[in-house]
Amino acid sequence: MPAKLSVNLNAVAMLRNRRDLPWPSVEALGRIALASGASGLTVHPRPDQRHIRFSDLPVIRNLIDDEFPNAEFNIEGYPTQEFFDLCAGAAPEQVTLVPDDPAQATSDHGWDFRTHRAFLTDAVARVKTMGCRVSLFADGDGDAEAVEIAKAVGADRIELYTGPYGGCFDAPERAAPILEALGRTADAALAIGLAVNAGHDLTVANLPDLVKRIPALAEVSIGHGLTADALEYGMAETVRRFCRACGQVV
């Protein structure tokens, strides 16, 4: 089956937060995204609430439950007690654990699975008690041993960090070896029963090659590039464009 699209609403929230006004509405644009073919919504609530606010979580949960019961809510974040509490309250279908420092502008690397094995074992177990699927952010560098540790600590999926791949937009000759490393990482994960997501700097232009190399890709989570396109094409048409780039018939 083609990869599913989860629309990351952080950039929408960041635009809203520039002013003390309720627009653009995270809820309204999430509704348009789901009505236009997205399979889920993603948020990354950081401690300073500089984009998604903690108060957005129940709104998105209710939107999905009331209007799109087949969609999924994915919450990303670093596993602190505050983050666990947010997840317990919002009951997402999927929790994606990322190794972010709170000061980071955005996620920019995967977990060091060897160093953080014990920490992740505990964090994954805590999320699993909530009944959520767990995905772990992973560097797509072809490290099969790291993927095996992700499986051993209890993850259901990994999410490939595709930032370096997306960064080749102005130098396509650099994309091929990075794409192949992402593919090898996915191959190693799939071979041991881990499903594979991907996210970061994915666009309509670079998605087709990614899904061609990883045909079993389960989900892509896309925010910045999708929101940028939505300013040009509108949210509904942009979601359809990204769904088609994933290989979906829309």
C-alpha atoms as a PDB file:
ATOM      1  CA  MET A   1       0.000   0.000   0.000  1.00  0.00           C
ATOM      2  CA  PRO A   2       1.212   3.565  -0.643  1.00  0.00           C
ATOM      3  CA  ALA A   3       2.660   5.509   2.238  1.00  0.00           C
ATOM      4  CA  LYS A   4       0.126   7.427   4.304  1.00  0.00           C
ATOM      5  CA  LEU A   5       0.427  11.169   4.808  1.00  0.00           C
ATOM      6  CA  SER A   6       0.352  12.725   8.268  1.00  0.00           C
ATOM      7  CA  VAL A   7       0.229  16.516   8.130  1.00  0.00           C
ATOM      8  CA  ASN A   8       2.421  18.214  10.717  1.00  0.00           C
ATOM      9  CA  LEU A   9       0.622  21.313  12.014  1.00  0.00           C
ATOM     10  CA  ASN A  10       3.559  22.961  13.785  1.00  0.00           C
ATOM     11  CA  ALA A  11       4.198  25.522  11.048  1.00  0.00           C
ATOM     12  CA  VAL A  12       0.521  26.476  10.990  1.00  0.00           C
ATOM     13  CA  ALA A  13       0.656  27.011  14.754  1.00  0.00           C
ATOM     14  CA  MET A  14       3.838  29.051  14.441  1.00  0.00           C
ATOM     15  CA  LEU A  15       2.114  31.440  12.015  1.00  0.00           C
ATOM     16  CA  ARG A  16      -0.834  31.737  14.385  1.00  0.00           C
ATOM     17  CA  ASN A  17       1.419  32.477  17.331  1.00  0.00           C
ATOM     18  CA  ARG A  18       2.981  35.505  15.641  1.00  0.00           C
ATOM     19  CA  ARG A  19      -0.076  37.471  16.738  1.00  0.00           C
ATOM     20  CA  ASP A  20      -2.497  37.234  19.630  1.00  0.00           C
ATOM     21  CA  LEU A  21      -5.239  36.049  17.276  1.00  0.00           C
ATOM     22  CA  PRO A  22      -6.881  32.663  16.652  1.00  0.00           C
ATOM     23  CA  TRP A  23      -5.894  32.408  12.984  1.00  0.00           C
ATOM     24  CA  PRO A  24      -4.664  30.631  11.030  1.00  0.00           C
ATOM     25  CA  SER A  25      -6.655  27.995  12.881  1.00  0.00           C
ATOM     26  CA  VAL A  26      -4.839  24.760  13.637  1.00  0.00           C
ATOM     27  CA  GLU A  27      -8.166  22.984  13.948  1.00  0.00           C
ATOM     28  CA  ALA A  28      -9.613  24.366  10.699  1.00  0.00           C
ATOM     29  CA  LEU A  29      -6.544  23.576   8.620  1.00  0.00           C
ATOM     30  CA  GLY A  30      -6.273  20.139  10.201  1.00  0.00           C
ATOM     31  CA  ARG A  31      -9.885  19.558   9.176  1.00  0.00           C
ATOM     32  CA  ILE A  32      -9.163  20.599   5.585  1.00  0.00           C
ATOM     33  CA  ALA A  33      -6.102  18.342   5.485  1.00  0.00           C
ATOM     34  CA  LEU A  34      -8.021  15.294   6.668  1.00  0.00           C
ATOM     35  CA  ALA A  35     -10.981  15.994   4.399  1.00  0.00           C
ATOM     36  CA  SER A  36      -8.584  16.244   1.443  1.00  0.00           C
ATOM     37  CA  GLY A  37      -6.959  12.847   1.934  1.00  0.00           C
ATOM     38  CA  ALA A  38      -4.445  13.058   4.764  1.00  0.00           C
ATOM     39  CA  SER A  39      -4.464   9.984   6.991  1.00  0.00           C
ATOM     40  CA  GLY A  40      -3.448  11.750  10.163  1.00  0.00           C
ATOM     41  CA  LEU A  41      -2.194  14.842  11.931  1.00  0.00           C
ATOM     42  CA  THR A  42       1.170  15.293  13.655  1.00  0.00           C
ATOM     43  CA  VAL A  43       2.262  17.790  16.290  1.00  0.00           C
ATOM     44  CA  HIS A  44       5.473  18.334  18.228  1.00  0.00           C
ATOM     45  CA  PRO A  45       4.601  20.249  21.402  1.00  0.00           C
ATOM     46  CA  ARG A  46       7.832  21.727  22.722  1.00  0.00           C
ATOM     47  CA  PRO A  47       8.154  22.911  26.328  1.00  0.00           C
ATOM     48  CA  ASP A  48       8.098  26.607  25.384  1.00  0.00           C
ATOM     49  CA  GLN A  49       4.948  26.118  23.255  1.00  0.00           C
ATOM     50  CA  ARG A  50       6.493  28.232  20.518  1.00  0.00           C
ATOM     51  CA  HIS A  51       4.240  26.645  17.914  1.00  0.00           C
ATOM     52  CA  ILE A  52       1.818  23.914  19.004  1.00  0.00           C
ATOM     53  CA  ARG A  53       0.347  24.847  22.366  1.00  0.00           C
ATOM     54  CA  PHE A  54      -0.617  22.256  24.937  1.00  0.00           C
ATOM     55  CA  SER A  55      -4.192  23.533  24.617  1.00  0.00           C
ATOM     56  CA  ASP A  56      -4.188  22.471  20.935  1.00  0.00           C
ATOM     57  CA  LEU A  57      -3.936  18.782  21.798  1.00  0.00           C
ATOM     58  CA  PRO A  58      -7.499  18.173  23.029  1.00  0.00           C
ATOM     59  CA  VAL A  59      -8.834  20.225  20.125  1.00  0.00           C
ATOM     60  CA  ILE A  60      -7.056  17.992  17.603  1.00  0.00           C
ATOM     61  CA  ARG A  61      -8.044  14.860  19.508  1.00  0.00           C
ATOM     62  CA  ASN A  62     -11.692  15.898  19.410  1.00  0.00           C
ATOM     63  CA  LEU A  63     -11.492  16.821  15.726  1.00  0.00           C
ATOM     64  CA  ILE A  64     -10.282  13.338  14.844  1.00  0.00           C
ATOM     65  CA  ASP A  65     -12.668  11.532  17.158  1.00  0.00           C
ATOM     66  CA  ASP A  66     -15.739  13.514  16.125  1.00  0.00           C
ATOM     67  CA  GLU A  67     -15.194  13.944  12.390  1.00  0.00           C
ATOM     68  CA  PHE A  68     -12.424  11.615  11.133  1.00  0.00           C
ATOM     69  CA  PRO A  69     -12.469   8.484  13.297  1.00  0.00           C
ATOM     70  CA  ASN A  70     -10.256   6.554  10.877  1.00  0.00           C
ATOM     71  CA  ALA A  71      -7.467   9.140  11.057  1.00  0.00           C
ATOM     72  CA  GLU A  72      -4.534   8.994  13.456  1.00  0.00           C
ATOM     73  CA  PHE A  73      -3.023  11.490  15.867  1.00  0.00           C
ATOM     74  CA  ASN A  74       0.785  11.388  16.082  1.00  0.00           C
ATOM     75  CA  ILE A  75       2.562  13.306  18.850  1.00  0.00           C
ATOM     76  CA  GLU A  76       6.322  13.807  18.635  1.00  0.00           C
ATOM     77  CA  GLY A  77       8.604  14.853  21.439  1.00  0.00           C
ATOM     78  CA  TYR A  78      11.450  14.223  23.814  1.00  0.00           C
ATOM     79  CA  PRO A  79      10.408  11.822  26.585  1.00  0.00           C
ATOM     80  CA  THR A  80      10.108  13.966  29.707  1.00  0.00           C
ATOM     81  CA  GLN A  81       7.496  13.607  32.421  1.00  0.00           C
ATOM     82  CA  GLU A  82       5.671  16.611  30.966  1.00  0.00           C
ATOM     83  CA  PHE A  83       5.622  14.932  27.553  1.00  0.00           C
ATOM     84  CA  PHE A  84       4.318  11.667  28.996  1.00  0.00           C
ATOM     85  CA  ASP A  85       1.554  13.600  30.736  1.00  0.00           C
ATOM     86  CA  LEU A  86       0.575  15.321  27.478  1.00  0.00           C
ATOM     87  CA  CYS A  87       0.426  11.983  25.677  1.00  0.00           C
ATOM     88  CA  ALA A  88      -1.637  10.395  28.431  1.00  0.00           C
ATOM     89  CA  GLY A  89      -4.171  13.203  28.128  1.00  0.00           C
ATOM     90  CA  ALA A  90      -4.342  13.283  24.328  1.00  0.00           C
ATOM     91  CA  ALA A  91      -4.301   9.507  23.731  1.00  0.00           C
ATOM     92  CA  PRO A  92      -2.552   9.606  20.340  1.00  0.00           C
ATOM     93  CA  GLU A  93      -2.528   6.532  18.156  1.00  0.00           C
ATOM     94  CA  GLN A  94       1.221   6.997  17.689  1.00  0.00           C
ATOM     95  CA  VAL A  95       3.951   8.585  19.780  1.00  0.00           C
ATOM     96  CA  THR A  96       7.226   9.414  18.057  1.00  0.00           C
ATOM     97  CA  LEU A  97      10.141   9.856  20.445  1.00  0.00           C
ATOM     98  CA  VAL A  98      12.823  12.280  19.256  1.00  0.00           C
ATOM     99  CA  PRO A  99      16.178  13.203  20.833  1.00  0.00           C
ATOM    100  CA  ASP A 100      15.594  16.968  20.732  1.00  0.00           C
ATOM    101  CA  ASP A 101      17.154  19.494  23.023  1.00  0.00           C
ATOM    102  CA  PRO A 102      14.378  21.954  24.000  1.00  0.00           C
ATOM    103  CA  ALA A 103      16.368  24.813  22.432  1.00  0.00           C
ATOM    104  CA  GLN A 104      16.559  23.212  18.993  1.00  0.00           C
ATOM    105  CA  ALA A 105      14.688  24.964  16.213  1.00  0.00           C
ATOM    106  CA  THR A 106      13.689  21.596  14.762  1.00  0.00           C
ATOM    107  CA  SER A 107      14.649  17.929  14.918  1.00  0.00           C
ATOM    108  CA  ASP A 108      18.014  17.436  13.262  1.00  0.00           C
ATOM    109  CA  HIS A 109      19.243  13.937  14.137  1.00  0.00           C
ATOM    110  CA  GLY A 110      18.093  10.513  15.198  1.00  0.00           C
ATOM    111  CA  TRP A 111      18.710   8.697  18.473  1.00  0.00           C
ATOM    112  CA  ASP A 112      22.109   7.354  19.439  1.00  0.00           C
ATOM    113  CA  PHE A 113      20.601   3.945  20.140  1.00  0.00           C
ATOM    114  CA  ARG A 114      23.726   2.472  21.714  1.00  0.00           C
ATOM    115  CA  THR A 115      24.174   5.287  24.223  1.00  0.00           C
ATOM    116  CA  HIS A 116      20.486   5.665  25.079  1.00  0.00           C
ATOM    117  CA  ARG A 117      19.424   2.029  25.042  1.00  0.00           C
ATOM    118  CA  ALA A 118      18.390   1.849  28.713  1.00  0.00           C
ATOM    119  CA  PHE A 119      16.740   5.274  28.601  1.00  0.00           C
ATOM    120  CA  LEU A 120      14.701   4.317  25.533  1.00  0.00           C
ATOM    121  CA  THR A 121      13.725   0.950  26.980  1.00  0.00           C
ATOM    122  CA  ASP A 122      12.093   2.751  29.885  1.00  0.00           C
ATOM    123  CA  ALA A 123      10.551   5.495  27.729  1.00  0.00           C
ATOM    124  CA  VAL A 124       9.045   3.073  25.222  1.00  0.00           C
ATOM    125  CA  ALA A 125       7.606   0.937  28.013  1.00  0.00           C
ATOM    126  CA  ARG A 126       5.947   3.983  29.574  1.00  0.00           C
ATOM    127  CA  VAL A 127       4.329   4.960  26.287  1.00  0.00           C
ATOM    128  CA  LYS A 128       3.185   1.403  25.647  1.00  0.00           C
ATOM    129  CA  THR A 129       1.226   1.432  28.915  1.00  0.00           C
ATOM    130  CA  MET A 130      -0.926   4.160  27.309  1.00  0.00           C
ATOM    131  CA  GLY A 131      -1.831   1.871  24.414  1.00  0.00           C
ATOM    132  CA  CYS A 132       0.072   3.921  21.820  1.00  0.00           C
ATOM    133  CA  ARG A 133       2.192   2.711  18.925  1.00  0.00           C
ATOM    134  CA  VAL A 134       5.799   3.874  19.402  1.00  0.00           C
ATOM    135  CA  SER A 135       8.109   5.162  16.691  1.00  0.00           C
ATOM    136  CA  LEU A 136      11.720   6.195  17.297  1.00  0.00           C
ATOM    137  CA  PHE A 137      13.490   8.879  15.282  1.00  0.00           C
ATOM    138  CA  ALA A 138      16.467   7.293  13.526  1.00  0.00           C
ATOM    139  CA  ASP A 139      19.331   8.452  11.349  1.00  0.00           C
ATOM    140  CA  GLY A 140      19.032   6.934   7.901  1.00  0.00           C
ATOM    141  CA  ASP A 141      22.707   6.031   7.679  1.00  0.00           C
ATOM    142  CA  GLY A 142      22.419   2.320   7.012  1.00  0.00           C
ATOM    143  CA  ASP A 143      23.376   1.298  10.561  1.00  0.00           C
ATOM    144  CA  ALA A 144      21.692  -2.106  10.913  1.00  0.00           C
ATOM    145  CA  GLU A 145      22.848  -2.591  14.501  1.00  0.00           C
ATOM    146  CA  ALA A 146      21.164   0.650  15.573  1.00  0.00           C
ATOM    147  CA  VAL A 147      17.922  -0.567  14.015  1.00  0.00           C
ATOM    148  CA  GLU A 148      18.221  -3.846  15.893  1.00  0.00           C
ATOM    149  CA  ILE A 149      18.508  -1.902  19.161  1.00  0.00           C
ATOM    150  CA  ALA A 150      15.384   0.087  18.245  1.00  0.00           C
ATOM    151  CA  LYS A 151      13.568  -3.215  17.910  1.00  0.00           C
ATOM    152  CA  ALA A 152      15.054  -4.570  21.143  1.00  0.00           C
ATOM    153  CA  VAL A 153      13.906  -1.586  23.221  1.00  0.00           C
ATOM    154  CA  GLY A 154      10.319  -2.245  22.152  1.00  0.00           C
ATOM    155  CA  ALA A 155       9.642   0.189  19.306  1.00  0.00           C
ATOM    156  CA  ASP A 156       7.009  -0.650  16.717  1.00  0.00           C
ATOM    157  CA  ARG A 157       8.470   1.637  14.071  1.00  0.00           C
ATOM    158  CA  ILE A 158      11.360   3.901  13.273  1.00  0.00           C
ATOM    159  CA  GLU A 159      11.001   7.272  11.604  1.00  0.00           C
ATOM    160  CA  LEU A 160      13.841   7.952   9.199  1.00  0.00           C
ATOM    161  CA  TYR A 161      15.298  11.433   9.581  1.00  0.00           C
ATOM    162  CA  THR A 162      15.310  12.641   5.968  1.00  0.00           C
ATOM    163  CA  GLY A 163      16.802  16.101   6.542  1.00  0.00           C
ATOM    164  CA  PRO A 164      20.055  15.428   4.653  1.00  0.00           C
ATOM    165  CA  TYR A 165      18.058  14.032   1.735  1.00  0.00           C
ATOM    166  CA  GLY A 166      15.763  17.043   1.694  1.00  0.00           C
ATOM    167  CA  GLY A 167      18.808  19.289   1.881  1.00  0.00           C
ATOM    168  CA  CYS A 168      19.861  18.156  -1.609  1.00  0.00           C
ATOM    169  CA  PHE A 169      17.177  20.319  -3.271  1.00  0.00           C
ATOM    170  CA  ASP A 170      19.872  22.495  -4.879  1.00  0.00           C
ATOM    171  CA  ALA A 171      22.387  19.697  -5.480  1.00  0.00           C
ATOM    172  CA  PRO A 172      20.507  16.639  -6.759  1.00  0.00           C
ATOM    173  CA  GLU A 173      23.753  14.813  -7.534  1.00  0.00           C
ATOM    174  CA  ARG A 174      24.239  14.383  -3.770  1.00  0.00           C
ATOM    175  CA  ALA A 175      20.822  12.805  -3.234  1.00  0.00           C
ATOM    176  CA  ALA A 176      21.476   9.307  -4.606  1.00  0.00           C
ATOM    177  CA  PRO A 177      23.920   8.022  -1.936  1.00  0.00           C
ATOM    178  CA  ILE A 178      21.839   9.535   0.861  1.00  0.00           C
ATOM    179  CA  LEU A 179      18.706   7.927  -0.551  1.00  0.00           C
ATOM    180  CA  GLU A 180      20.467   4.582  -0.758  1.00  0.00           C
ATOM    181  CA  ALA A 181      21.562   4.829   2.894  1.00  0.00           C
ATOM    182  CA  LEU A 182      17.968   5.594   3.881  1.00  0.00           C
ATOM    183  CA  GLY A 183      16.898   2.579   1.858  1.00  0.00           C
ATOM    184  CA  ARG A 184      19.408   0.268   3.544  1.00  0.00           C
ATOM    185  CA  THR A 185      18.221   1.460   6.952  1.00  0.00           C
ATOM    186  CA  ALA A 186      14.627   0.752   5.968  1.00  0.00           C
ATOM    187  CA  ASP A 187      15.574  -2.658   4.589  1.00  0.00           C
ATOM    188  CA  ALA A 188      17.235  -3.582   7.888  1.00  0.00           C
ATOM    189  CA  ALA A 189      14.215  -2.415   9.879  1.00  0.00           C
ATOM    190  CA  LEU A 190      11.662  -4.186   7.727  1.00  0.00           C
ATOM    191  CA  ALA A 191      13.682  -7.413   7.836  1.00  0.00           C
ATOM    192  CA  ILE A 192      13.278  -7.623  11.633  1.00  0.00           C
ATOM    193  CA  GLY A 193       9.630  -6.594  11.755  1.00  0.00           C
ATOM    194  CA  LEU A 194       9.870  -2.839  12.332  1.00  0.00           C
ATOM    195  CA  ALA A 195       7.630  -0.642  10.224  1.00  0.00           C
ATOM    196  CA  VAL A 196       9.198   2.466   8.722  1.00  0.00           C
ATOM    197  CA  ASN A 197       8.034   6.077   8.712  1.00  0.00           C
ATOM    198  CA  ALA A 198       9.940   9.062   7.340  1.00  0.00           C
ATOM    199  CA  GLY A 199       9.982  12.771   7.838  1.00  0.00           C
ATOM    200  CA  HIS A 200      11.846  16.060   7.554  1.00  0.00           C
ATOM    201  CA  ASP A 201      12.193  18.365   4.549  1.00  0.00           C
ATOM    202  CA  LEU A 202      10.185  16.090   2.288  1.00  0.00           C
ATOM    203  CA  THR A 203       8.567  17.719  -0.726  1.00  0.00           C
ATOM    204  CA  VAL A 204       6.430  16.844  -3.722  1.00  0.00           C
ATOM    205  CA  ALA A 205       9.668  16.794  -5.729  1.00  0.00           C
ATOM    206  CA  ASN A 206      11.687  14.381  -3.583  1.00  0.00           C
ATOM    207  CA  LEU A 207       8.961  12.080  -2.228  1.00  0.00           C
ATOM    208  CA  PRO A 208       8.514   9.914  -5.351  1.00  0.00           C
ATOM    209  CA  ASP A 209      12.132   8.701  -5.320  1.00  0.00           C
ATOM    210  CA  LEU A 210      11.925   7.962  -1.601  1.00  0.00           C
ATOM    211  CA  VAL A 211       8.781   5.839  -1.906  1.00  0.00           C
ATOM    212  CA  LYS A 212      10.240   4.118  -4.967  1.00  0.00           C
ATOM    213  CA  ARG A 213      13.323   3.090  -2.977  1.00  0.00           C
ATOM    214  CA  ILE A 214      11.231   2.163   0.108  1.00  0.00           C
ATOM    215  CA  PRO A 215       7.964   0.818  -1.322  1.00  0.00           C
ATOM    216  CA  ALA A 216       6.892  -0.506   2.094  1.00  0.00           C
ATOM    217  CA  LEU A 217       7.139   2.954   3.671  1.00  0.00           C
ATOM    218  CA  ALA A 218       4.229   3.183   6.119  1.00  0.00           C
ATOM    219  CA  GLU A 219       3.892   6.923   6.693  1.00  0.00           C
ATOM    220  CA  VAL A 220       5.457  10.283   5.993  1.00  0.00           C
ATOM    221  CA  SER A 221       5.027  13.209   8.367  1.00  0.00           C
ATOM    222  CA  ILE A 222       5.376  16.539   6.593  1.00  0.00           C
ATOM    223  CA  GLY A 223       4.977  20.057   7.895  1.00  0.00           C
ATOM    224  CA  HIS A 224       7.250  22.844   6.679  1.00  0.00           C
ATOM    225  CA  GLY A 225       7.297  22.044   2.972  1.00  0.00           C
ATOM    226  CA  LEU A 226       3.611  21.206   2.949  1.00  0.00           C
ATOM    227  CA  THR A 227       2.684  24.442   4.719  1.00  0.00           C
ATOM    228  CA  ALA A 228       4.866  26.427   2.321  1.00  0.00           C
ATOM    229  CA  ASP A 229       3.073  24.851  -0.638  1.00  0.00           C
ATOM    230  CA  ALA A 230      -0.289  25.520   1.006  1.00  0.00           C
ATOM    231  CA  LEU A 231       0.444  29.249   0.813  1.00  0.00           C
ATOM    232  CA  GLU A 232       0.620  28.837  -2.959  1.00  0.00           C
ATOM    233  CA  TYR A 233      -1.880  26.083  -3.738  1.00  0.00           C
ATOM    234  CA  GLY A 234      -4.169  26.080  -0.701  1.00  0.00           C
ATOM    235  CA  MET A 235      -4.215  23.344   1.936  1.00  0.00           C
ATOM    236  CA  ALA A 236      -6.684  21.062   0.156  1.00  0.00           C
ATOM    237  CA  GLU A 237      -4.833  20.943  -3.164  1.00  0.00           C
ATOM    238  CA  THR A 238      -1.469  20.727  -1.419  1.00  0.00           C
ATOM    239  CA  VAL A 239      -2.556  17.653   0.538  1.00  0.00           C
ATOM    240  CA  ARG A 240      -3.757  16.037  -2.672  1.00  0.00           C
ATOM    241  CA  ARG A 241      -0.400  16.816  -4.341  1.00  0.00           C
ATOM    242  CA  PHE A 242       1.509  15.224  -1.469  1.00  0.00           C
ATOM    243  CA  CYS A 243      -0.783  12.197  -1.425  1.00  0.00           C
ATOM    244  CA  ARG A 244      -0.129  11.677  -5.114  1.00  0.00           C
ATOM    245  CA  ALA A 245       3.609  12.050  -4.500  1.00  0.00           C
ATOM    246  CA  CYS A 246       3.280   9.208  -1.967  1.00  0.00           C
ATOM    247  CA  GLY A 247       1.813   7.037  -4.729  1.00  0.00           C
ATOM    248  CA  GLN A 248      -1.813   7.337  -3.674  1.00  0.00           C
ATOM    249  CA  VAL A 249      -4.604   7.629  -6.205  1.00  0.00           C
ATOM    250  CA  VAL A 250      -6.398  10.858  -5.338  1.00  0.00           C
END
